[in-house]
Amino acid sequence: MTNAPEERPGISQGRYVPPPFRWQQHTAADNDVIRARQRIRSIIMALLLGSFVILVFAISIVKIKAGHG
């Protein structure tokens, strides 16, 4: 077996391999906007989860009082 490049199977094995994705560099202003969006999303998620917990707790209290629990 020779070490000629055309004889060795590569990663692509004859298929098209797209170039690697390059993330764009963010500026400090971009990072501030991203952090603000993440903060808002986390606050909304916390409020939704908290309201779900309160709803489940209220339903369980009502079921216990009704005698179905």
N, C-alpha and C. Protein backbone atom coordinates (compact mmCIF):
# COMPACT_ATOMS: atom_id res chain seq x y z
N MET A 1 0.85 -1.18 0.00
CA MET A 1 0.00 0.00 0.00
C MET A 1 0.89 1.23 0.00
N THR A 2 0.58 2.15 -0.85
CA THR A 2 1.36 3.38 -0.93
C THR A 2 0.66 4.47 -0.13
N ASN A 3 1.41 5.50 0.15
CA ASN A 3 0.86 6.61 0.90
C ASN A 3 0.46 7.77 0.00
N ALA A 4 0.13 7.47 -1.23
CA ALA A 4 -0.28 8.53 -2.15
C ALA A 4 -1.62 9.10 -1.68
N PRO A 5 -1.79 10.43 -1.70
CA PRO A 5 -3.02 11.03 -1.18
C PRO A 5 -4.27 10.58 -1.91
N GLU A 6 -4.18 10.26 -3.21
CA GLU A 6 -5.38 9.88 -3.93
C GLU A 6 -5.85 8.47 -3.59
N GLU A 7 -4.97 7.67 -2.97
CA GLU A 7 -5.34 6.30 -2.64
C GLU A 7 -5.85 6.17 -1.21
N ARG A 8 -5.51 7.09 -0.34
CA ARG A 8 -5.97 7.01 1.04
C ARG A 8 -7.36 7.61 1.16
N PRO A 9 -8.28 6.90 1.80
CA PRO A 9 -9.61 7.50 1.98
C PRO A 9 -9.53 8.63 3.00
N GLY A 10 -10.11 9.75 2.66
CA GLY A 10 -10.11 10.89 3.56
C GLY A 10 -11.41 10.96 4.34
N ILE A 11 -11.59 12.04 5.03
CA ILE A 11 -12.81 12.25 5.80
C ILE A 11 -14.01 12.32 4.87
N SER A 12 -13.84 12.97 3.74
CA SER A 12 -14.97 13.17 2.83
C SER A 12 -15.31 11.92 2.04
N GLN A 13 -14.36 11.04 1.82
CA GLN A 13 -14.55 9.81 1.05
C GLN A 13 -15.22 10.09 -0.29
N GLY A 14 -14.80 11.15 -0.94
CA GLY A 14 -15.31 11.49 -2.25
C GLY A 14 -16.56 12.35 -2.23
N ARG A 15 -17.13 12.61 -1.06
CA ARG A 15 -18.33 13.44 -0.96
C ARG A 15 -17.94 14.90 -0.77
N TYR A 16 -18.91 15.78 -1.02
CA TYR A 16 -18.68 17.21 -0.81
C TYR A 16 -18.68 17.49 0.69
N VAL A 17 -17.68 18.19 1.15
CA VAL A 17 -17.61 18.61 2.54
C VAL A 17 -17.62 20.13 2.55
N PRO A 18 -18.64 20.74 3.17
CA PRO A 18 -18.68 22.20 3.19
C PRO A 18 -17.56 22.76 4.06
N PRO A 19 -17.19 23.98 3.82
CA PRO A 19 -16.13 24.58 4.64
C PRO A 19 -16.63 24.75 6.08
N PRO A 20 -15.72 24.77 7.05
CA PRO A 20 -16.15 24.91 8.44
C PRO A 20 -16.82 26.26 8.67
N PHE A 21 -17.82 26.25 9.56
CA PHE A 21 -18.55 27.48 9.86
C PHE A 21 -17.69 28.39 10.71
N ARG A 22 -17.64 29.64 10.36
CA ARG A 22 -16.87 30.63 11.11
C ARG A 22 -17.84 31.57 11.83
N TRP A 23 -17.80 31.55 13.17
CA TRP A 23 -18.64 32.46 13.94
C TRP A 23 -18.11 33.87 13.78
N GLN A 24 -19.02 34.80 13.62
CA GLN A 24 -18.56 36.18 13.50
C GLN A 24 -18.21 36.72 14.88
N GLN A 25 -17.26 37.61 14.89
CA GLN A 25 -16.82 38.21 16.14
C GLN A 25 -17.82 39.27 16.57
N HIS A 26 -18.17 39.25 17.85
CA HIS A 26 -19.13 40.22 18.39
C HIS A 26 -18.39 41.38 19.03
N THR A 27 -18.96 42.54 18.89
CA THR A 27 -18.41 43.71 19.56
C THR A 27 -18.98 43.79 20.96
N ALA A 28 -18.49 44.72 21.75
CA ALA A 28 -18.99 44.89 23.11
C ALA A 28 -20.45 45.31 23.10
N ALA A 29 -20.85 46.12 22.13
CA ALA A 29 -22.25 46.54 22.04
C ALA A 29 -23.14 45.34 21.70
N ASP A 30 -22.66 44.47 20.80
CA ASP A 30 -23.43 43.26 20.48
C ASP A 30 -23.58 42.38 21.70
N ASN A 31 -22.52 42.25 22.47
CA ASN A 31 -22.58 41.42 23.69
C ASN A 31 -23.58 41.99 24.68
N ASP A 32 -23.64 43.31 24.80
CA ASP A 32 -24.61 43.92 25.72
C ASP A 32 -26.04 43.64 25.28
N VAL A 33 -26.30 43.71 23.99
CA VAL A 33 -27.64 43.43 23.48
C VAL A 33 -28.00 41.96 23.71
N ILE A 34 -27.05 41.07 23.47
CA ILE A 34 -27.29 39.64 23.67
C ILE A 34 -27.58 39.36 25.14
N ARG A 35 -26.79 39.94 26.02
CA ARG A 35 -27.00 39.73 27.46
C ARG A 35 -28.36 40.28 27.91
N ALA A 36 -28.76 41.41 27.38
CA ALA A 36 -30.07 41.98 27.74
C ALA A 36 -31.19 41.06 27.30
N ARG A 37 -31.09 40.51 26.08
CA ARG A 37 -32.11 39.58 25.60
C ARG A 37 -32.14 38.32 26.45
N GLN A 38 -30.97 37.80 26.81
CA GLN A 38 -30.92 36.61 27.66
C GLN A 38 -31.54 36.88 29.02
N ARG A 39 -31.29 38.07 29.56
CA ARG A 39 -31.84 38.43 30.87
C ARG A 39 -33.36 38.49 30.81
N ILE A 40 -33.90 39.10 29.75
CA ILE A 40 -35.35 39.20 29.60
C ILE A 40 -35.95 37.81 29.44
N ARG A 41 -35.32 36.96 28.63
CA ARG A 41 -35.83 35.60 28.45
C ARG A 41 -35.81 34.82 29.75
N SER A 42 -34.76 34.98 30.54
CA SER A 42 -34.69 34.24 31.79
C SER A 42 -35.74 34.73 32.79
N ILE A 43 -36.02 36.02 32.80
CA ILE A 43 -37.06 36.56 33.68
C ILE A 43 -38.43 36.02 33.27
N ILE A 44 -38.70 36.01 31.97
CA ILE A 44 -39.98 35.49 31.48
C ILE A 44 -40.12 34.01 31.82
N MET A 45 -39.06 33.24 31.63
CA MET A 45 -39.11 31.81 31.94
C MET A 45 -39.32 31.59 33.43
N ALA A 46 -38.69 32.38 34.26
CA ALA A 46 -38.87 32.24 35.71
C ALA A 46 -40.31 32.55 36.10
N LEU A 47 -40.89 33.59 35.51
CA LEU A 47 -42.28 33.92 35.81
C LEU A 47 -43.24 32.82 35.34
N LEU A 48 -42.99 32.27 34.17
CA LEU A 48 -43.84 31.18 33.67
C LEU A 48 -43.73 29.94 34.55
N LEU A 49 -42.52 29.58 34.92
CA LEU A 49 -42.36 28.41 35.78
C LEU A 49 -42.96 28.63 37.16
N GLY A 50 -42.79 29.82 37.70
CA GLY A 50 -43.39 30.14 39.00
C GLY A 50 -44.90 30.09 38.96
N SER A 51 -45.49 30.62 37.90
CA SER A 51 -46.95 30.58 37.79
C SER A 51 -47.45 29.15 37.61
N PHE A 52 -46.68 28.31 36.91
CA PHE A 52 -47.06 26.91 36.76
C PHE A 52 -47.04 26.20 38.11
N VAL A 53 -46.03 26.46 38.93
CA VAL A 53 -45.94 25.85 40.26
C VAL A 53 -47.12 26.29 41.11
N ILE A 54 -47.46 27.58 41.06
CA ILE A 54 -48.61 28.07 41.84
C ILE A 54 -49.90 27.44 41.35
N LEU A 55 -50.05 27.29 40.03
CA LEU A 55 -51.25 26.65 39.48
C LEU A 55 -51.38 25.21 39.94
N VAL A 56 -50.28 24.43 39.88
CA VAL A 56 -50.33 23.04 40.33
C VAL A 56 -50.63 22.97 41.82
N PHE A 57 -50.04 23.84 42.60
CA PHE A 57 -50.30 23.87 44.04
C PHE A 57 -51.77 24.19 44.32
N ALA A 58 -52.32 25.18 43.60
CA ALA A 58 -53.72 25.56 43.81
C ALA A 58 -54.65 24.42 43.41
N ILE A 59 -54.37 23.74 42.31
CA ILE A 59 -55.20 22.62 41.89
C ILE A 59 -55.16 21.50 42.92
N SER A 60 -53.97 21.22 43.46
CA SER A 60 -53.88 20.16 44.46
C SER A 60 -54.62 20.53 45.73
N ILE A 61 -54.59 21.79 46.15
CA ILE A 61 -55.33 22.23 47.34
C ILE A 61 -56.83 22.07 47.10
N VAL A 62 -57.30 22.47 45.94
CA VAL A 62 -58.73 22.36 45.63
C VAL A 62 -59.15 20.89 45.60
N LYS A 63 -58.33 20.02 45.02
CA LYS A 63 -58.67 18.60 44.97
C LYS A 63 -58.69 17.98 46.37
N ILE A 64 -57.77 18.38 47.23
CA ILE A 64 -57.74 17.85 48.58
C ILE A 64 -58.99 18.29 49.33
N LYS A 65 -59.35 19.56 49.19
CA LYS A 65 -60.54 20.06 49.88
C LYS A 65 -61.81 19.41 49.35
N ALA A 66 -61.83 19.04 48.07
CA ALA A 66 -63.01 18.41 47.50
C ALA A 66 -63.07 16.92 47.83
N GLY A 67 -61.99 16.36 48.35
CA GLY A 67 -61.97 14.95 48.74
C GLY A 67 -61.62 14.00 47.63
N HIS A 68 -60.94 14.47 46.59
CA HIS A 68 -60.55 13.61 45.49
C HIS A 68 -59.07 13.24 45.55
N GLY A 69 -58.41 13.48 46.63
CA GLY A 69 -56.98 13.35 46.63
C GLY A 69 -56.42 12.18 47.31
